[in-house]
Amino acid sequence: MEDDTRTPAEKAHPGPATEGSAPVASSPTTTSAAGANSSGPLPLRHGHELPFVAAPSSYLRPKPISRTMSDNRASGPLDKEQMQGLRGVREFLKVRTSYDVLPLSFRLVVLDNNLLIKKSLNILIQNGIVSAPLWDSQNSAFAGLLTSTDFINVIQYYCQFPDEIAHIDQFRLSSLRDIERAIGVLPLETVSVHPMRPLYEACRRMLKTRARRIPLVDRDDETGREMVVSVITQYRILKFIAVNNEQYTMLLKKPVRELGLGTYKDLATATMGSSVLDVIHLMVKYNISAVPIIDRDNKVLNLFEAVDVIPCIKGGAYDELSATVGEALSRRAEEFGGIYTCNEDDRLDAIFDTIRKSRVHRLIVVDDDNRLKGIISLSDILKYVLLYGEEDDDIRGN
């Protein structure tokens, strides 16, 4: 099961009804090229074909509803209301389980570790997903998670050992660890959590390992064998918080600027004319999963994400990575939801409101002229919600 599909988000399974629960909007307000609000969705391909790349406002999604501070409180420790909201969310995470986060209905695609990497890529594309749990059928055990990072590692392997291109198509998923060793990258930690453990525990484990998603793995009482139940992502967790804790998230009224939320220095960027391979190298160099696409005036045009690599190598087309970013983005699925932006003066409660209503995987921080200022990842938000004001800093240091 994968939450990063390019389809509208379904409502998270809230478990027992909680006071203050809020519904998920089925169709977020969009901003047209003229800047006027409209209630229906934009034609999603508009702005992704190459002839339209000069009109970014037609596909950049709206900023959170502006909720700036009404007074000039000095920066410093969070005020009582802000801390009350954070404590409320944390207590909620401690009494709910990871299982509670699952939607009412979902599908689970598990890939055998013996499957060819090339075939696994086609399966992801055919099912509209970007990752899947791996299964070791020989040992009947969970074997990790296949993500876009693994395909980027394969690309790096191809770049370092071009003479091996004839053999790449024969690589199996079980070879991924060998590829990591060959290119000198640290293997991703194979983490999982029991579905009935507190959600707070899953969040901390994700932050500590820098994982953006974590599989839920149970064990059969009779056979003792592992069972992969599903996968939860940071997006799914934050959506779950936003849907069921509006009475607490509405208390988070401090703006992004005061919280220091996000990354603002040494940002990796690219242009529409940059090659896909150049952007992949940036992702590897900076250890990031998305690169803002800007014009000569530093205005944001789009965002190239790690998941955008998957369609580029469909059918093993590793030699097509010299294509431009503009060409690659034109291959996005029609359901692509757009890029979400915010301003440094926007408040955290407004961001949670956007997460509650829409499928958001990160926010690009821009100024009033749409110039790039920074990036706020879901990890930044989750880390702040869990750790701000806590004495325990074993995760902060990672």
Protein backbone atom coordinates (compact mmCIF):
# COMPACT_ATOMS: atom_id res chain seq x y z
CA MET A 1 0.00 0.00 0.00
CA GLU A 2 1.42 3.36 -0.92
CA ASP A 3 0.28 6.84 0.03
CA ASP A 4 2.20 8.67 -2.67
CA THR A 5 -0.09 7.62 -5.46
CA ARG A 6 -1.14 10.39 -7.82
CA THR A 7 -4.81 10.02 -6.97
CA PRO A 8 -7.07 12.08 -4.68
CA ALA A 9 -6.52 11.27 -1.03
CA GLU A 10 -9.10 9.19 0.77
CA LYS A 11 -10.08 10.01 4.32
CA ALA A 12 -7.83 8.43 6.90
CA HIS A 13 -9.31 5.75 9.16
CA PRO A 14 -9.86 7.72 12.37
CA GLY A 15 -10.79 4.74 14.55
CA PRO A 16 -13.19 5.68 17.32
CA ALA A 17 -14.71 9.09 16.75
CA THR A 18 -12.77 11.90 18.36
CA GLU A 19 -14.07 15.25 19.34
CA GLY A 20 -13.10 17.91 16.89
CA SER A 21 -12.67 15.59 13.92
CA ALA A 22 -12.80 17.38 10.59
CA PRO A 23 -13.69 16.05 7.16
CA VAL A 24 -11.25 16.06 4.25
CA ALA A 25 -12.12 18.35 1.39
CA SER A 26 -12.56 16.40 -1.82
CA SER A 27 -11.58 19.22 -4.12
CA PRO A 28 -9.17 21.94 -2.88
CA THR A 29 -9.54 25.49 -4.11
CA THR A 30 -7.16 26.24 -6.92
CA THR A 31 -5.65 29.44 -8.25
CA SER A 32 -5.95 30.24 -11.91
CA ALA A 33 -3.30 31.95 -14.00
CA ALA A 34 -5.13 35.21 -13.40
CA GLY A 35 -4.97 34.64 -9.65
CA ALA A 36 -8.73 34.25 -9.05
CA ASN A 37 -10.10 31.50 -6.85
CA SER A 38 -12.20 28.77 -8.40
CA SER A 39 -14.07 25.93 -6.76
CA GLY A 40 -13.31 23.25 -9.34
CA PRO A 41 -9.94 21.60 -10.06
CA LEU A 42 -7.69 22.97 -12.75
CA PRO A 43 -7.05 20.93 -15.90
CA LEU A 44 -4.14 19.09 -14.34
CA ARG A 45 -2.03 18.75 -17.47
CA HIS A 46 -2.08 22.51 -18.02
CA GLY A 47 1.31 23.91 -17.16
CA HIS A 48 3.14 20.59 -17.51
CA GLU A 49 3.44 20.46 -21.29
CA LEU A 50 6.57 22.23 -22.46
CA PRO A 51 4.78 25.12 -24.23
CA PHE A 52 3.28 26.21 -20.89
CA VAL A 53 6.31 26.16 -18.61
CA ALA A 54 6.44 29.95 -18.68
CA ALA A 55 3.12 30.17 -16.83
CA PRO A 56 3.88 28.59 -13.44
CA SER A 57 0.91 30.15 -11.69
CA SER A 58 -1.35 27.86 -13.65
CA TYR A 59 -0.12 24.79 -11.81
CA LEU A 60 1.41 26.01 -8.57
CA ARG A 61 -1.20 25.24 -5.96
CA PRO A 62 -2.39 27.97 -3.58
CA LYS A 63 -0.60 28.98 -0.45
CA PRO A 64 -2.30 28.22 2.88
CA ILE A 65 -5.01 30.73 3.75
CA SER A 66 -3.03 33.60 5.16
CA ARG A 67 -3.19 33.58 8.94
CA THR A 68 -0.48 35.96 10.04
CA MET A 69 0.09 37.07 13.60
CA SER A 70 -2.32 39.76 14.71
CA ASP A 71 0.19 41.27 17.14
CA ASN A 72 3.93 41.76 17.39
CA ARG A 73 4.84 39.13 19.94
CA ALA A 74 8.57 38.78 20.39
CA SER A 75 10.18 35.59 19.18
CA GLY A 76 11.31 33.15 21.82
CA PRO A 77 9.79 30.22 23.76
CA LEU A 78 6.42 29.12 22.50
CA ASP A 79 3.57 30.78 24.25
CA LYS A 80 1.20 28.75 26.42
CA GLU A 81 -1.35 28.24 23.66
CA GLN A 82 1.22 26.92 21.19
CA MET A 83 2.62 24.47 23.73
CA GLN A 84 -0.87 23.35 24.67
CA GLY A 85 -1.51 22.46 21.05
CA LEU A 86 1.74 20.50 20.73
CA ARG A 87 1.09 18.55 23.94
CA GLY A 88 -2.42 17.74 22.79
CA VAL A 89 -1.15 16.30 19.51
CA ARG A 90 1.57 14.29 21.27
CA GLU A 91 -0.88 12.77 23.74
CA PHE A 92 -3.13 11.85 20.82
CA LEU A 93 -0.25 10.06 19.09
CA LYS A 94 0.52 8.11 22.26
CA VAL A 95 -2.99 6.68 22.63
CA ARG A 96 -3.61 5.88 18.95
CA THR A 97 -1.98 3.01 17.08
CA SER A 98 -0.34 2.85 13.69
CA TYR A 99 -3.23 0.67 12.57
CA ASP A 100 -5.62 3.56 13.22
CA VAL A 101 -3.91 5.59 10.48
CA LEU A 102 -4.92 3.17 7.73
CA PRO A 103 -7.75 4.33 5.48
CA LEU A 104 -11.04 2.47 5.52
CA SER A 105 -10.01 0.65 2.35
CA PHE A 106 -6.62 0.28 0.74
CA ARG A 107 -4.61 -2.01 -1.48
CA LEU A 108 -1.30 -3.63 -0.64
CA VAL A 109 1.27 -4.48 -3.31
CA VAL A 110 4.11 -6.65 -1.99
CA LEU A 111 6.99 -7.58 -4.30
CA ASP A 112 8.98 -10.80 -4.10
CA ASN A 113 12.66 -10.15 -3.53
CA ASN A 114 13.49 -12.44 -6.46
CA LEU A 115 11.64 -10.23 -8.96
CA LEU A 116 13.63 -8.49 -11.67
CA ILE A 117 14.19 -4.79 -10.92
CA LYS A 118 12.95 -3.98 -14.42
CA LYS A 119 9.68 -5.81 -13.82
CA SER A 120 9.21 -4.21 -10.41
CA LEU A 121 9.46 -0.80 -12.06
CA ASN A 122 6.68 -1.69 -14.48
CA ILE A 123 4.51 -2.97 -11.63
CA LEU A 124 4.86 0.31 -9.73
CA ILE A 125 3.94 2.31 -12.81
CA GLN A 126 0.98 0.07 -13.70
CA ASN A 127 -0.42 0.35 -10.18
CA GLY A 128 0.21 4.08 -9.85
CA ILE A 129 2.42 3.69 -6.76
CA VAL A 130 5.97 4.76 -5.99
CA SER A 131 7.08 2.19 -3.39
CA ALA A 132 6.24 -1.28 -2.15
CA PRO A 133 7.28 -3.67 0.65
CA LEU A 134 9.67 -6.46 -0.31
CA TRP A 135 9.19 -10.08 0.71
CA ASP A 136 11.84 -12.77 1.10
CA SER A 137 9.89 -15.86 0.03
CA GLN A 138 12.77 -18.17 0.88
CA ASN A 139 12.72 -17.16 4.54
CA SER A 140 9.06 -16.02 4.64
CA ALA A 141 10.11 -12.67 6.05
CA PHE A 142 9.78 -8.95 5.41
CA ALA A 143 12.83 -7.82 3.40
CA GLY A 144 12.60 -4.03 3.29
CA LEU A 145 10.92 -1.37 1.21
CA LEU A 146 11.42 -0.60 -2.48
CA THR A 147 11.40 3.17 -3.08
CA SER A 148 12.51 5.68 -5.69
CA THR A 149 15.85 5.88 -3.84
CA ASP A 150 16.60 2.33 -4.95
CA PHE A 151 16.08 3.27 -8.59
CA ILE A 152 18.29 6.32 -8.15
CA ASN A 153 20.97 3.96 -6.79
CA VAL A 154 20.60 1.80 -9.90
CA ILE A 155 21.08 4.92 -12.04
CA GLN A 156 24.21 5.82 -10.07
CA TYR A 157 25.48 2.30 -10.62
CA TYR A 158 24.87 2.66 -14.36
CA CYS A 159 26.79 5.97 -14.38
CA GLN A 160 29.75 4.48 -12.51
CA PHE A 161 29.82 1.22 -14.43
CA PRO A 162 28.46 1.96 -17.93
CA ASP A 163 29.87 -1.33 -19.25
CA GLU A 164 27.40 -3.15 -17.00
CA ILE A 165 24.34 -1.81 -18.82
CA ALA A 166 23.81 -5.16 -20.52
CA HIS A 167 23.50 -6.85 -17.13
CA ILE A 168 21.31 -4.30 -15.36
CA ASP A 169 18.15 -5.72 -16.85
CA GLN A 170 18.99 -9.02 -15.17
CA PHE A 171 19.39 -7.54 -11.70
CA ARG A 172 16.84 -8.69 -9.16
CA LEU A 173 15.48 -6.83 -6.16
CA SER A 174 17.71 -8.99 -3.96
CA SER A 175 20.68 -7.32 -5.74
CA LEU A 176 19.85 -3.85 -4.40
CA ARG A 177 22.14 -4.25 -1.40
CA ASP A 178 24.99 -5.30 -3.70
CA ILE A 179 24.38 -2.19 -5.81
CA GLU A 180 24.56 -0.01 -2.69
CA ARG A 181 27.90 -1.51 -1.74
CA ALA A 182 29.24 -1.11 -5.28
CA ILE A 183 28.48 2.63 -5.43
CA GLY A 184 29.53 3.23 -1.83
CA VAL A 185 26.25 4.33 -0.27
CA LEU A 186 24.99 3.27 3.11
CA PRO A 187 22.08 0.82 2.91
CA LEU A 188 18.76 2.15 4.08
CA GLU A 189 17.85 0.77 7.47
CA THR A 190 15.12 -1.85 7.20
CA VAL A 191 12.68 -0.56 9.79
CA SER A 192 9.15 -1.61 10.56
CA VAL A 193 6.68 -1.27 13.39
CA HIS A 194 3.91 -3.46 14.77
CA PRO A 195 0.52 -2.07 13.70
CA MET A 196 -0.82 -2.05 17.27
CA ARG A 197 2.08 -0.11 18.75
CA PRO A 198 1.48 3.56 19.62
CA LEU A 199 1.63 5.89 16.64
CA TYR A 200 4.00 8.10 18.61
CA GLU A 201 6.54 5.26 18.55
CA ALA A 202 6.27 4.92 14.76
CA CYS A 203 6.79 8.67 14.35
CA ARG A 204 9.93 8.69 16.46
CA ARG A 205 11.32 5.69 14.63
CA MET A 206 10.72 7.38 11.28
CA LEU A 207 12.48 10.54 12.41
CA LYS A 208 15.43 8.69 13.89
CA THR A 209 16.04 6.69 10.70
CA ARG A 210 15.04 9.57 8.38
CA ALA A 211 12.50 7.29 6.74
CA ARG A 212 9.55 8.93 5.00
CA ARG A 213 7.45 5.77 5.24
CA ILE A 214 7.42 2.75 7.47
CA PRO A 215 5.88 -0.71 6.93
CA LEU A 216 3.50 -2.21 9.48
CA VAL A 217 4.59 -5.79 10.13
CA ASP A 218 2.63 -8.23 12.28
CA ARG A 219 3.41 -11.83 13.26
CA ASP A 220 1.07 -14.77 12.87
CA ASP A 221 0.29 -16.27 16.27
CA GLU A 222 0.11 -19.83 14.96
CA THR A 223 3.02 -19.98 12.52
CA GLY A 224 5.20 -17.24 13.97
CA ARG A 225 5.73 -15.88 10.46
CA GLU A 226 5.78 -12.20 9.64
CA MET A 227 2.93 -10.53 7.76
CA VAL A 228 3.13 -7.15 6.04
CA VAL A 229 -0.09 -5.33 6.90
CA SER A 230 0.48 -2.03 5.11
CA VAL A 231 2.75 1.00 4.86
CA ILE A 232 2.19 4.37 6.51
CA THR A 233 3.87 7.57 5.41
CA GLN A 234 4.63 10.91 7.02
CA TYR A 235 1.92 12.40 4.86
CA ARG A 236 -0.62 9.85 6.10
CA ILE A 237 0.34 10.51 9.73
CA LEU A 238 0.15 14.30 9.42
CA LYS A 239 -3.17 14.00 7.59
CA PHE A 240 -4.44 11.80 10.43
CA ILE A 241 -3.35 14.42 12.95
CA ALA A 242 -4.94 17.25 10.97
CA VAL A 243 -8.25 15.43 10.49
CA ASN A 244 -8.66 14.36 14.10
CA ASN A 245 -6.94 17.13 16.06
CA GLU A 246 -8.17 20.41 14.68
CA GLN A 247 -8.88 21.57 18.25
CA TYR A 248 -5.11 21.29 18.87
CA THR A 249 -3.65 22.23 15.48
CA MET A 250 -5.69 25.45 15.50
CA LEU A 251 -3.63 26.50 18.54
CA LEU A 252 -0.38 26.38 16.53
CA LYS A 253 -0.51 30.04 15.58
CA LYS A 254 3.16 30.92 15.32
CA PRO A 255 4.39 31.62 11.77
CA VAL A 256 6.94 29.64 9.82
CA ARG A 257 9.50 32.44 10.13
CA GLU A 258 9.38 32.38 13.94
CA LEU A 259 9.51 28.59 14.13
CA GLY A 260 12.51 28.35 11.81
CA LEU A 261 10.65 25.60 9.99
CA GLY A 262 12.32 24.34 6.82
CA THR A 263 15.60 24.75 4.91
CA TYR A 264 16.62 28.14 3.51
CA LYS A 265 20.37 28.01 2.86
CA ASP A 266 22.42 26.16 0.24
CA LEU A 267 19.32 25.06 -1.66
CA ALA A 268 19.81 22.82 -4.68
CA THR A 269 17.93 24.15 -7.71
CA ALA A 270 17.63 23.40 -11.41
CA THR A 271 16.01 24.86 -14.51
CA MET A 272 13.60 23.43 -17.05
CA GLY A 273 16.56 22.94 -19.39
CA SER A 274 18.63 20.95 -16.88
CA SER A 275 19.03 17.28 -17.64
CA VAL A 276 17.29 14.68 -15.50
CA LEU A 277 20.66 13.13 -14.74
CA ASP A 278 22.00 16.46 -13.43
CA VAL A 279 19.02 16.73 -11.07
CA ILE A 280 19.54 13.16 -9.88
CA HIS A 281 23.15 14.01 -9.09
CA LEU A 282 21.91 16.98 -7.03
CA MET A 283 19.56 14.71 -5.09
CA VAL A 284 22.42 12.35 -4.31
CA LYS A 285 24.85 15.14 -3.41
CA TYR A 286 22.45 16.93 -1.07
CA ASN A 287 20.65 13.78 0.14
CA ILE A 288 17.27 15.25 -0.79
CA SER A 289 14.15 13.95 -2.50
CA ALA A 290 13.06 17.05 -4.45
CA VAL A 291 14.69 19.91 -6.36
CA PRO A 292 12.88 23.23 -7.06
CA ILE A 293 12.79 24.21 -10.71
CA ILE A 294 13.31 27.95 -11.11
CA ASP A 295 13.72 30.54 -13.86
CA ARG A 296 16.49 33.12 -14.26
CA ASP A 297 14.76 35.39 -11.73
CA ASN A 298 14.67 32.66 -9.07
CA LYS A 299 10.91 32.31 -9.48
CA VAL A 300 9.54 28.84 -8.84
CA LEU A 301 8.24 27.08 -11.93
CA ASN A 302 7.87 23.54 -10.67
CA LEU A 303 9.43 20.84 -8.50
CA PHE A 304 11.26 17.71 -9.65
CA GLU A 305 10.73 14.92 -7.14
CA ALA A 306 12.50 11.59 -6.71
CA VAL A 307 9.30 9.84 -7.79
CA ASP A 308 9.53 11.66 -11.14
CA VAL A 309 12.56 9.51 -11.91
CA ILE A 310 10.44 6.36 -12.14
CA PRO A 311 8.64 7.18 -15.44
CA CYS A 312 11.95 8.34 -16.94
CA ILE A 313 13.48 4.87 -16.76
CA LYS A 314 10.38 2.92 -17.72
CA GLY A 315 11.40 -0.11 -19.74
CA GLY A 316 15.02 0.28 -18.63
CA ALA A 317 15.58 3.49 -20.61
CA TYR A 318 18.63 4.58 -18.60
CA ASP A 319 20.11 6.22 -21.67
CA GLU A 320 17.21 8.70 -21.80
CA LEU A 321 18.28 10.50 -18.63
CA SER A 322 19.85 13.20 -20.77
CA ALA A 323 16.31 14.47 -21.43
CA THR A 324 15.45 17.83 -19.93
CA VAL A 325 13.49 18.35 -16.74
CA GLY A 326 10.73 19.97 -18.79
CA GLU A 327 10.40 16.85 -20.91
CA ALA A 328 10.39 14.60 -17.85
CA LEU A 329 7.71 16.61 -16.07
CA SER A 330 5.48 16.38 -19.12
CA ARG A 331 5.30 12.62 -18.45
CA ARG A 332 3.59 13.04 -15.11
CA ALA A 333 0.27 11.32 -14.64
CA GLU A 334 -2.78 13.45 -15.31
CA GLU A 335 -3.80 13.05 -11.65
CA PHE A 336 -0.73 14.96 -10.45
CA GLY A 337 -2.01 17.29 -7.75
CA GLY A 338 0.32 20.25 -8.23
CA ILE A 339 2.92 22.05 -6.12
CA TYR A 340 1.99 23.61 -2.78
CA THR A 341 3.57 26.85 -1.62
CA CYS A 342 3.54 28.99 1.50
CA ASN A 343 5.01 32.23 2.83
CA GLU A 344 7.30 32.68 5.83
CA ASP A 345 4.51 34.64 7.50
CA ASP A 346 1.98 31.81 7.17
CA ARG A 347 1.12 30.10 10.43
CA LEU A 348 1.50 26.42 11.23
CA ASP A 349 -2.24 26.02 11.81
CA ALA A 350 -2.82 27.18 8.22
CA ILE A 351 -0.35 24.58 6.96
CA PHE A 352 -2.16 21.86 8.90
CA ASP A 353 -5.40 23.07 7.39
CA THR A 354 -3.88 22.63 3.93
CA ILE A 355 -2.68 19.13 4.85
CA ARG A 356 -6.14 18.29 6.15
CA LYS A 357 -7.78 19.27 2.85
CA SER A 358 -5.16 18.28 0.28
CA ARG A 359 -2.46 15.78 -0.61
CA VAL A 360 0.69 17.65 0.37
CA HIS A 361 4.18 16.11 0.43
CA ARG A 362 6.19 19.31 0.96
CA LEU A 363 5.75 23.07 0.73
CA ILE A 364 7.88 25.46 -1.26
CA VAL A 365 8.42 28.70 0.64
CA VAL A 366 8.18 31.69 -1.67
CA ASP A 367 7.95 35.46 -1.32
CA ASP A 368 5.15 37.62 -2.68
CA ASP A 369 6.77 37.57 -6.13
CA ASN A 370 6.94 33.75 -6.16
CA ARG A 371 10.71 33.76 -5.69
CA LEU A 372 12.19 30.74 -3.94
CA LYS A 373 12.99 31.21 -0.25
CA GLY A 374 13.11 27.68 1.13
CA ILE A 375 11.51 24.25 1.43
CA ILE A 376 9.47 22.76 4.26
CA SER A 377 9.42 18.98 4.26
CA LEU A 378 6.93 16.81 6.11
CA SER A 379 9.88 15.64 8.19
CA ASP A 380 10.40 19.24 9.33
CA ILE A 381 6.78 19.48 10.44
CA LEU A 382 6.70 16.07 12.13
CA LYS A 383 9.99 16.74 13.91
CA TYR A 384 8.74 20.06 15.24
CA VAL A 385 5.44 18.62 16.44
CA LEU A 386 7.12 15.73 18.25
CA LEU A 387 10.30 17.29 19.59
CA TYR A 388 9.96 21.01 20.17
CA GLY A 389 10.41 21.75 23.87
CA GLU A 390 11.37 18.15 24.67
CA GLU A 391 14.53 17.52 26.67
CA ASP A 392 15.15 14.27 24.79
CA ASP A 393 17.43 15.20 21.91
CA ASP A 394 18.61 11.81 20.66
CA ILE A 395 16.72 12.41 17.40
CA ARG A 396 17.65 16.08 17.04
CA GLY A 397 21.30 15.17 16.72
CA ASN A 398 20.72 12.91 13.69
